């Protein structure tokens, strides 16, 4: 894992964008798996700006949604669906047939995970996977546990995940999530890990110790040969 400490959020977003932009220039028909939340928002804005200058770099781009809150309607303003449509799908003019997305309001979450797994098997592997880091070390909805799940699955959410900023406006908090598994993520050709936000000093310290444990799912990224980790130094405190 290549670690870069960035002076602030803007620096983190710009550094990650430069890496991704270089890849897009080399090959346009790529599959991106994208996380939601505050961490990647700056990066996605820079991708939008780049689209206005060179739309040809994005014309064959496909997007895979990393995860989704279970039980929400797809048009819920705090769903991962709404986030990606607002920040990526609409700004980059991604067509529906190039967007692979969990249905959050499905009556059969297990079957929905199987559908996404089949899509990934057919259209993968993922070229670039953009991840954020949860305060408890989760990536996607792969939560700390005695064991981790390889492929797309329905995950029970931790208290930390249910207190995420995206759930703050929800009257009823989701109790489960739909997510890619650890093997799905680790089979990506390249992984971008963005770390920012308050209260993450402890989990960053644990991640940088390089000790691999299921109780810190993000630690498995040390096993991948091509991970770029950009850390907003502001989240480390004084």
C-alpha atoms as a PDB file:
ATOM      1  CA  UNK A   1       0.000   0.000   0.000  1.00  0.00           C
ATOM      2  CA  UNK A   2       1.348   3.397  -0.999  1.00  0.00           C
ATOM      3  CA  UNK A   3       0.582   5.980   1.692  1.00  0.00           C
ATOM      4  CA  UNK A   4       0.415   9.698   0.983  1.00  0.00           C
ATOM      5  CA  UNK A   5      -0.278  12.177   3.765  1.00  0.00           C
ATOM      6  CA  UNK A   6      -2.058  15.150   2.251  1.00  0.00           C
ATOM      7  CA  UNK A   7      -2.044  18.604   3.809  1.00  0.00           C
ATOM      8  CA  UNK A   8      -5.841  18.957   3.646  1.00  0.00           C
ATOM      9  CA  UNK A   9      -9.013  17.569   2.044  1.00  0.00           C
ATOM     10  CA  UNK A  10      -8.534  19.443  -1.222  1.00  0.00           C
ATOM     11  CA  UNK A  11      -4.996  18.093  -1.539  1.00  0.00           C
ATOM     12  CA  UNK A  12      -6.283  14.557  -0.891  1.00  0.00           C
ATOM     13  CA  UNK A  13      -9.004  14.888  -3.521  1.00  0.00           C
ATOM     14  CA  UNK A  14      -6.612  16.358  -6.095  1.00  0.00           C
ATOM     15  CA  UNK A  15      -3.984  13.665  -5.548  1.00  0.00           C
ATOM     16  CA  UNK A  16      -6.538  10.890  -5.991  1.00  0.00           C
ATOM     17  CA  UNK A  17      -7.974  12.580  -9.066  1.00  0.00           C
ATOM     18  CA  UNK A  18      -4.565  12.848 -10.732  1.00  0.00           C
ATOM     19  CA  UNK A  19      -4.075   9.123 -10.290  1.00  0.00           C
ATOM     20  CA  UNK A  20      -7.491   8.270 -11.717  1.00  0.00           C
ATOM     21  CA  UNK A  21      -7.237  10.799 -14.540  1.00  0.00           C
ATOM     22  CA  UNK A  22      -4.007   9.221 -15.727  1.00  0.00           C
ATOM     23  CA  UNK A  23      -5.753   5.845 -15.960  1.00  0.00           C
ATOM     24  CA  UNK A  24      -8.726   7.290 -17.842  1.00  0.00           C
ATOM     25  CA  UNK A  25      -6.440   8.823 -20.446  1.00  0.00           C
ATOM     26  CA  UNK A  26      -4.841   5.433 -21.071  1.00  0.00           C
ATOM     27  CA  UNK A  27      -8.088   3.450 -21.352  1.00  0.00           C
ATOM     28  CA  UNK A  28     -11.659   4.768 -21.424  1.00  0.00           C
ATOM     29  CA  UNK A  29     -13.702   1.552 -21.138  1.00  0.00           C
ATOM     30  CA  UNK A  30     -13.114   0.944 -17.447  1.00  0.00           C
ATOM     31  CA  UNK A  31     -15.277  -0.368 -14.615  1.00  0.00           C
ATOM     32  CA  UNK A  32     -15.180   1.817 -11.518  1.00  0.00           C
ATOM     33  CA  UNK A  33     -16.576   0.668  -8.173  1.00  0.00           C
ATOM     34  CA  UNK A  34     -17.464   3.748  -6.139  1.00  0.00           C
ATOM     35  CA  UNK A  35     -18.111   4.426  -2.471  1.00  0.00           C
ATOM     36  CA  UNK A  36     -20.366   7.186  -1.173  1.00  0.00           C
ATOM     37  CA  UNK A  37     -20.106   9.714   1.651  1.00  0.00           C
ATOM     38  CA  UNK A  38     -17.999  12.775   2.327  1.00  0.00           C
ATOM     39  CA  UNK A  39     -14.600  11.185   1.706  1.00  0.00           C
ATOM     40  CA  UNK A  40     -14.866  10.832  -2.101  1.00  0.00           C
ATOM     41  CA  UNK A  41     -17.097  13.848  -2.793  1.00  0.00           C
ATOM     42  CA  UNK A  42     -14.179  16.151  -3.602  1.00  0.00           C
ATOM     43  CA  UNK A  43     -12.714  13.566  -5.963  1.00  0.00           C
ATOM     44  CA  UNK A  44     -16.036  13.159  -7.772  1.00  0.00           C
ATOM     45  CA  UNK A  45     -16.334  16.929  -8.204  1.00  0.00           C
ATOM     46  CA  UNK A  46     -12.951  16.953  -9.892  1.00  0.00           C
ATOM     47  CA  UNK A  47     -14.081  14.133 -12.173  1.00  0.00           C
ATOM     48  CA  UNK A  48     -17.118  16.243 -13.091  1.00  0.00           C
ATOM     49  CA  UNK A  49     -14.882  19.211 -13.886  1.00  0.00           C
ATOM     50  CA  UNK A  50     -12.682  16.967 -16.023  1.00  0.00           C
ATOM     51  CA  UNK A  51     -15.738  15.723 -17.918  1.00  0.00           C
ATOM     52  CA  UNK A  52     -16.517  19.253 -19.099  1.00  0.00           C
ATOM     53  CA  UNK A  53     -12.994  19.539 -20.524  1.00  0.00           C
ATOM     54  CA  UNK A  54     -12.624  16.019 -21.960  1.00  0.00           C
ATOM     55  CA  UNK A  55     -15.960  14.171 -22.120  1.00  0.00           C
ATOM     56  CA  UNK A  56     -14.415  11.531 -24.361  1.00  0.00           C
ATOM     57  CA  UNK A  57     -12.533  10.099 -21.369  1.00  0.00           C
ATOM     58  CA  UNK A  58     -15.840   9.138 -19.736  1.00  0.00           C
ATOM     59  CA  UNK A  59     -17.986   7.982 -22.648  1.00  0.00           C
ATOM     60  CA  UNK A  60     -17.351   4.252 -22.043  1.00  0.00           C
ATOM     61  CA  UNK A  61     -16.988   4.365 -18.266  1.00  0.00           C
ATOM     62  CA  UNK A  62     -19.101   1.914 -16.244  1.00  0.00           C
ATOM     63  CA  UNK A  63     -19.994   2.431 -12.581  1.00  0.00           C
ATOM     64  CA  UNK A  64     -20.627  -0.223  -9.935  1.00  0.00           C
ATOM     65  CA  UNK A  65     -22.170   0.888  -6.648  1.00  0.00           C
ATOM     66  CA  UNK A  66     -20.104  -0.451  -3.740  1.00  0.00           C
ATOM     67  CA  UNK A  67     -22.963  -0.793  -1.264  1.00  0.00           C
ATOM     68  CA  UNK A  68     -26.429   0.369  -0.290  1.00  0.00           C
ATOM     69  CA  UNK A  69     -28.554   0.891   2.812  1.00  0.00           C
ATOM     70  CA  UNK A  70     -31.115  -1.904   2.991  1.00  0.00           C
ATOM     71  CA  UNK A  71     -34.819  -1.140   3.050  1.00  0.00           C
ATOM     72  CA  UNK A  72     -34.696   2.405   1.660  1.00  0.00           C
ATOM     73  CA  UNK A  73     -36.519   3.446  -1.466  1.00  0.00           C
ATOM     74  CA  UNK A  74     -34.088   4.084  -4.318  1.00  0.00           C
ATOM     75  CA  UNK A  75     -35.234   7.702  -4.519  1.00  0.00           C
ATOM     76  CA  UNK A  76     -34.618   8.334  -0.822  1.00  0.00           C
ATOM     77  CA  UNK A  77     -32.384  11.443  -0.667  1.00  0.00           C
ATOM     78  CA  UNK A  78     -29.951   9.732   1.718  1.00  0.00           C
ATOM     79  CA  UNK A  79     -29.574   6.517  -0.260  1.00  0.00           C
ATOM     80  CA  UNK A  80     -26.287   5.606  -1.881  1.00  0.00           C
ATOM     81  CA  UNK A  81     -28.253   5.522  -5.133  1.00  0.00           C
ATOM     82  CA  UNK A  82     -29.247   9.186  -4.812  1.00  0.00           C
ATOM     83  CA  UNK A  83     -25.695  10.159  -3.883  1.00  0.00           C
ATOM     84  CA  UNK A  84     -24.110   8.474  -6.898  1.00  0.00           C
ATOM     85  CA  UNK A  85     -26.740   9.769  -9.292  1.00  0.00           C
ATOM     86  CA  UNK A  86     -26.181  13.319  -8.055  1.00  0.00           C
ATOM     87  CA  UNK A  87     -22.388  13.196  -7.934  1.00  0.00           C
ATOM     88  CA  UNK A  88     -21.429  10.772 -10.723  1.00  0.00           C
ATOM     89  CA  UNK A  89     -24.160   9.333 -12.948  1.00  0.00           C
ATOM     90  CA  UNK A  90     -25.792  12.625 -13.980  1.00  0.00           C
ATOM     91  CA  UNK A  91     -22.641  14.827 -14.057  1.00  0.00           C
ATOM     92  CA  UNK A  92     -20.672  12.300 -16.124  1.00  0.00           C
ATOM     93  CA  UNK A  93     -23.664  11.339 -18.295  1.00  0.00           C
ATOM     94  CA  UNK A  94     -23.326   7.645 -17.467  1.00  0.00           C
ATOM     95  CA  UNK A  95     -26.002   5.652 -19.317  1.00  0.00           C
ATOM     96  CA  UNK A  96     -28.264   3.254 -17.393  1.00  0.00           C
ATOM     97  CA  UNK A  97     -26.714   0.222 -19.069  1.00  0.00           C
ATOM     98  CA  UNK A  98     -23.342   1.327 -17.668  1.00  0.00           C
ATOM     99  CA  UNK A  99     -24.580   1.603 -14.076  1.00  0.00           C
ATOM    100  CA  UNK A 100     -24.641  -1.542 -11.920  1.00  0.00           C
ATOM    101  CA  UNK A 101     -26.623  -0.793  -8.806  1.00  0.00           C
ATOM    102  CA  UNK A 102     -28.021  -2.642  -5.782  1.00  0.00           C
ATOM    103  CA  UNK A 103     -31.775  -2.130  -5.417  1.00  0.00           C
ATOM    104  CA  UNK A 104     -32.186  -0.979  -1.834  1.00  0.00           C
ATOM    105  CA  UNK A 105     -35.908  -1.690  -1.536  1.00  0.00           C
ATOM    106  CA  UNK A 106     -35.851  -5.256  -2.818  1.00  0.00           C
ATOM    107  CA  UNK A 107     -38.035  -7.844  -1.080  1.00  0.00           C
ATOM    108  CA  UNK A 108     -35.273 -10.412  -1.397  1.00  0.00           C
ATOM    109  CA  UNK A 109     -31.895  -8.878  -0.480  1.00  0.00           C
ATOM    110  CA  UNK A 110     -30.045 -12.183  -0.858  1.00  0.00           C
ATOM    111  CA  UNK A 111     -31.255 -12.579  -4.448  1.00  0.00           C
ATOM    112  CA  UNK A 112     -30.299  -8.974  -5.158  1.00  0.00           C
ATOM    113  CA  UNK A 113     -26.771  -9.660  -3.947  1.00  0.00           C
ATOM    114  CA  UNK A 114     -26.649 -12.726  -6.185  1.00  0.00           C
ATOM    115  CA  UNK A 115     -27.745 -10.584  -9.149  1.00  0.00           C
ATOM    116  CA  UNK A 116     -24.996  -8.032  -8.538  1.00  0.00           C
ATOM    117  CA  UNK A 117     -22.446 -10.820  -8.120  1.00  0.00           C
ATOM    118  CA  UNK A 118     -23.451 -12.225 -11.511  1.00  0.00           C
ATOM    119  CA  UNK A 119     -23.129  -8.759 -13.072  1.00  0.00           C
ATOM    120  CA  UNK A 120     -19.655  -8.378 -11.602  1.00  0.00           C
ATOM    121  CA  UNK A 121     -18.621 -11.835 -12.807  1.00  0.00           C
ATOM    122  CA  UNK A 122     -19.798 -10.965 -16.311  1.00  0.00           C
ATOM    123  CA  UNK A 123     -18.447  -7.409 -16.553  1.00  0.00           C
ATOM    124  CA  UNK A 124     -15.543  -7.431 -14.105  1.00  0.00           C
ATOM    125  CA  UNK A 125     -13.028  -7.390 -12.763  1.00  0.00           C
ATOM    126  CA  UNK A 126     -13.177  -3.901 -11.316  1.00  0.00           C
ATOM    127  CA  UNK A 127     -10.523  -1.623 -12.783  1.00  0.00           C
ATOM    128  CA  UNK A 128     -10.532   1.010 -10.032  1.00  0.00           C
ATOM    129  CA  UNK A 129     -12.264   0.740  -6.661  1.00  0.00           C
ATOM    130  CA  UNK A 130     -12.667   3.944  -4.629  1.00  0.00           C
ATOM    131  CA  UNK A 131     -13.130   3.370  -0.907  1.00  0.00           C
ATOM    132  CA  UNK A 132     -13.571   5.367   2.266  1.00  0.00           C
ATOM    133  CA  UNK A 133     -12.647   4.174   5.746  1.00  0.00           C
ATOM    134  CA  UNK A 134     -15.205   3.794   8.524  1.00  0.00           C
ATOM    135  CA  UNK A 135     -14.366   4.789  12.084  1.00  0.00           C
ATOM    136  CA  UNK A 136     -14.385   1.124  13.051  1.00  0.00           C
ATOM    137  CA  UNK A 137     -12.275   0.089  10.050  1.00  0.00           C
ATOM    138  CA  UNK A 138     -15.065  -1.138   7.788  1.00  0.00           C
ATOM    139  CA  UNK A 139     -14.949  -0.813   4.007  1.00  0.00           C
ATOM    140  CA  UNK A 140     -18.256  -1.005   2.206  1.00  0.00           C
ATOM    141  CA  UNK A 141     -20.506  -2.729   4.710  1.00  0.00           C
ATOM    142  CA  UNK A 142     -17.853  -5.295   5.516  1.00  0.00           C
ATOM    143  CA  UNK A 143     -17.982  -4.782   9.271  1.00  0.00           C
ATOM    144  CA  UNK A 144     -15.460  -5.939  11.911  1.00  0.00           C
ATOM    145  CA  UNK A 145     -16.280  -9.535  12.852  1.00  0.00           C
ATOM    146  CA  UNK A 146     -14.799 -12.940  13.626  1.00  0.00           C
ATOM    147  CA  UNK A 147     -14.963 -13.707   9.903  1.00  0.00           C
ATOM    148  CA  UNK A 148     -15.534 -11.774   6.674  1.00  0.00           C
ATOM    149  CA  UNK A 149     -17.606 -12.647   3.605  1.00  0.00           C
ATOM    150  CA  UNK A 150     -15.947 -13.086   0.227  1.00  0.00           C
ATOM    151  CA  UNK A 151     -18.663 -11.957  -2.176  1.00  0.00           C
ATOM    152  CA  UNK A 152     -21.766  -9.750  -2.408  1.00  0.00           C
ATOM    153  CA  UNK A 153     -23.866 -10.229   0.694  1.00  0.00           C
ATOM    154  CA  UNK A 154     -26.390  -8.806   3.122  1.00  0.00           C
ATOM    155  CA  UNK A 155     -24.449  -7.392   6.059  1.00  0.00           C
ATOM    156  CA  UNK A 156     -25.671  -6.595   9.553  1.00  0.00           C
ATOM    157  CA  UNK A 157     -24.750  -2.983  10.273  1.00  0.00           C
ATOM    158  CA  UNK A 158     -22.659  -2.013  13.270  1.00  0.00           C
ATOM    159  CA  UNK A 159     -23.685   0.821  15.585  1.00  0.00           C
ATOM    160  CA  UNK A 160     -20.903   2.870  14.012  1.00  0.00           C
ATOM    161  CA  UNK A 161     -22.356   2.453  10.520  1.00  0.00           C
ATOM    162  CA  UNK A 162     -25.880   3.213  11.692  1.00  0.00           C
ATOM    163  CA  UNK A 163     -24.569   6.520  13.069  1.00  0.00           C
ATOM    164  CA  UNK A 164     -23.124   7.515   9.684  1.00  0.00           C
ATOM    165  CA  UNK A 165     -23.815  11.073   8.517  1.00  0.00           C
ATOM    166  CA  UNK A 166     -25.942   9.701   5.665  1.00  0.00           C
ATOM    167  CA  UNK A 167     -28.389   8.182   8.177  1.00  0.00           C
ATOM    168  CA  UNK A 168     -28.762  11.318  10.310  1.00  0.00           C
ATOM    169  CA  UNK A 169     -31.890  12.450   8.464  1.00  0.00           C
ATOM    170  CA  UNK A 170     -33.526   9.025   8.356  1.00  0.00           C
ATOM    171  CA  UNK A 171     -36.541   8.552  10.607  1.00  0.00           C
ATOM    172  CA  UNK A 172     -36.014   4.780  10.615  1.00  0.00           C
ATOM    173  CA  UNK A 173     -32.405   3.638  10.623  1.00  0.00           C
ATOM    174  CA  UNK A 174     -31.517   0.757   8.265  1.00  0.00           C
ATOM    175  CA  UNK A 175     -30.601  -2.454  10.048  1.00  0.00           C
ATOM    176  CA  UNK A 176     -28.746  -4.102   7.180  1.00  0.00           C
ATOM    177  CA  UNK A 177     -26.723  -3.202   4.139  1.00  0.00           C
ATOM    178  CA  UNK A 178     -26.075  -4.744   0.730  1.00  0.00           C
ATOM    179  CA  UNK A 179     -22.406  -4.771  -0.155  1.00  0.00           C
ATOM    180  CA  UNK A 180     -19.613  -6.201  -2.236  1.00  0.00           C
ATOM    181  CA  UNK A 181     -17.524  -8.700  -0.300  1.00  0.00           C
ATOM    182  CA  UNK A 182     -13.853  -8.573   0.554  1.00  0.00           C
ATOM    183  CA  UNK A 183     -12.808 -10.833  -2.327  1.00  0.00           C
ATOM    184  CA  UNK A 184     -14.772  -8.670  -4.781  1.00  0.00           C
ATOM    185  CA  UNK A 185     -12.889  -5.613  -3.552  1.00  0.00           C
ATOM    186  CA  UNK A 186      -9.474  -7.282  -3.438  1.00  0.00           C
ATOM    187  CA  UNK A 187      -9.835  -8.548  -7.010  1.00  0.00           C
ATOM    188  CA  UNK A 188      -9.892  -4.936  -8.239  1.00  0.00           C
ATOM    189  CA  UNK A 189      -6.916  -4.016 -10.390  1.00  0.00           C
ATOM    190  CA  UNK A 190      -6.370  -0.804  -8.436  1.00  0.00           C
ATOM    191  CA  UNK A 191      -7.766   0.501  -5.153  1.00  0.00           C
ATOM    192  CA  UNK A 192      -7.937   4.119  -4.007  1.00  0.00           C
ATOM    193  CA  UNK A 193      -8.485   4.505  -0.253  1.00  0.00           C
ATOM    194  CA  UNK A 194      -9.469   7.992   0.922  1.00  0.00           C
ATOM    195  CA  UNK A 195      -9.256   8.769   4.631  1.00  0.00           C
ATOM    196  CA  UNK A 196     -10.701  11.958   6.075  1.00  0.00           C
ATOM    197  CA  UNK A 197     -13.119  13.025   8.800  1.00  0.00           C
ATOM    198  CA  UNK A 198     -12.981  13.398  12.559  1.00  0.00           C
ATOM    199  CA  UNK A 199     -12.615  10.592  15.074  1.00  0.00           C
ATOM    200  CA  UNK A 200     -10.407   8.383  12.913  1.00  0.00           C
ATOM    201  CA  UNK A 201      -7.042   8.831  14.634  1.00  0.00           C
ATOM    202  CA  UNK A 202      -7.247   5.438  16.338  1.00  0.00           C
ATOM    203  CA  UNK A 203      -8.335   3.456  13.280  1.00  0.00           C
ATOM    204  CA  UNK A 204      -5.645   5.110  11.139  1.00  0.00           C
ATOM    205  CA  UNK A 205      -3.018   4.126  13.701  1.00  0.00           C
ATOM    206  CA  UNK A 206      -4.255   0.525  13.632  1.00  0.00           C
ATOM    207  CA  UNK A 207      -4.296   0.451   9.836  1.00  0.00           C
ATOM    208  CA  UNK A 208      -0.755   1.790   9.581  1.00  0.00           C
ATOM    209  CA  UNK A 209       0.480  -0.913  11.981  1.00  0.00           C
ATOM    210  CA  UNK A 210       0.051  -3.344   9.046  1.00  0.00           C
ATOM    211  CA  UNK A 211      -1.504  -5.995  11.302  1.00  0.00           C
ATOM    212  CA  UNK A 212      -4.129  -7.865   9.299  1.00  0.00           C
ATOM    213  CA  UNK A 213      -7.253  -8.813  11.217  1.00  0.00           C
ATOM    214  CA  UNK A 214     -10.939  -9.396  10.478  1.00  0.00           C
ATOM    215  CA  UNK A 215     -11.650  -6.912  13.250  1.00  0.00           C
ATOM    216  CA  UNK A 216     -10.206  -4.236  10.950  1.00  0.00           C
ATOM    217  CA  UNK A 217     -11.471  -5.154   7.469  1.00  0.00           C
ATOM    218  CA  UNK A 218      -9.482  -2.349   5.824  1.00  0.00           C
ATOM    219  CA  UNK A 219      -6.268  -4.032   7.002  1.00  0.00           C
ATOM    220  CA  UNK A 220      -6.779  -6.670   4.277  1.00  0.00           C
ATOM    221  CA  UNK A 221      -5.886  -3.991   1.740  1.00  0.00           C
ATOM    222  CA  UNK A 222      -2.255  -4.600   2.733  1.00  0.00           C
ATOM    223  CA  UNK A 223      -2.548  -7.883   0.821  1.00  0.00           C
ATOM    224  CA  UNK A 224      -3.332  -6.110  -2.452  1.00  0.00           C
ATOM    225  CA  UNK A 225      -0.445  -5.210  -4.803  1.00  0.00           C
ATOM    226  CA  UNK A 226      -1.850  -1.882  -6.022  1.00  0.00           C
ATOM    227  CA  UNK A 227      -3.436   0.260  -3.298  1.00  0.00           C
ATOM    228  CA  UNK A 228      -3.020   4.026  -3.057  1.00  0.00           C
ATOM    229  CA  UNK A 229      -4.032   5.462   0.303  1.00  0.00           C
ATOM    230  CA  UNK A 230      -4.516   9.215   0.596  1.00  0.00           C
ATOM    231  CA  UNK A 231      -4.833  10.544   4.140  1.00  0.00           C
ATOM    232  CA  UNK A 232      -6.127  14.019   4.935  1.00  0.00           C
ATOM    233  CA  UNK A 233      -3.679  15.075   7.648  1.00  0.00           C
ATOM    234  CA  UNK A 234      -6.325  17.365   9.137  1.00  0.00           C
ATOM    235  CA  UNK A 235      -8.150  14.302  10.461  1.00  0.00           C
ATOM    236  CA  UNK A 236      -5.095  13.325  12.512  1.00  0.00           C
ATOM    237  CA  UNK A 237      -5.543  16.251  14.879  1.00  0.00           C
ATOM    238  CA  UNK A 238      -2.725  18.367  16.231  1.00  0.00           C
END
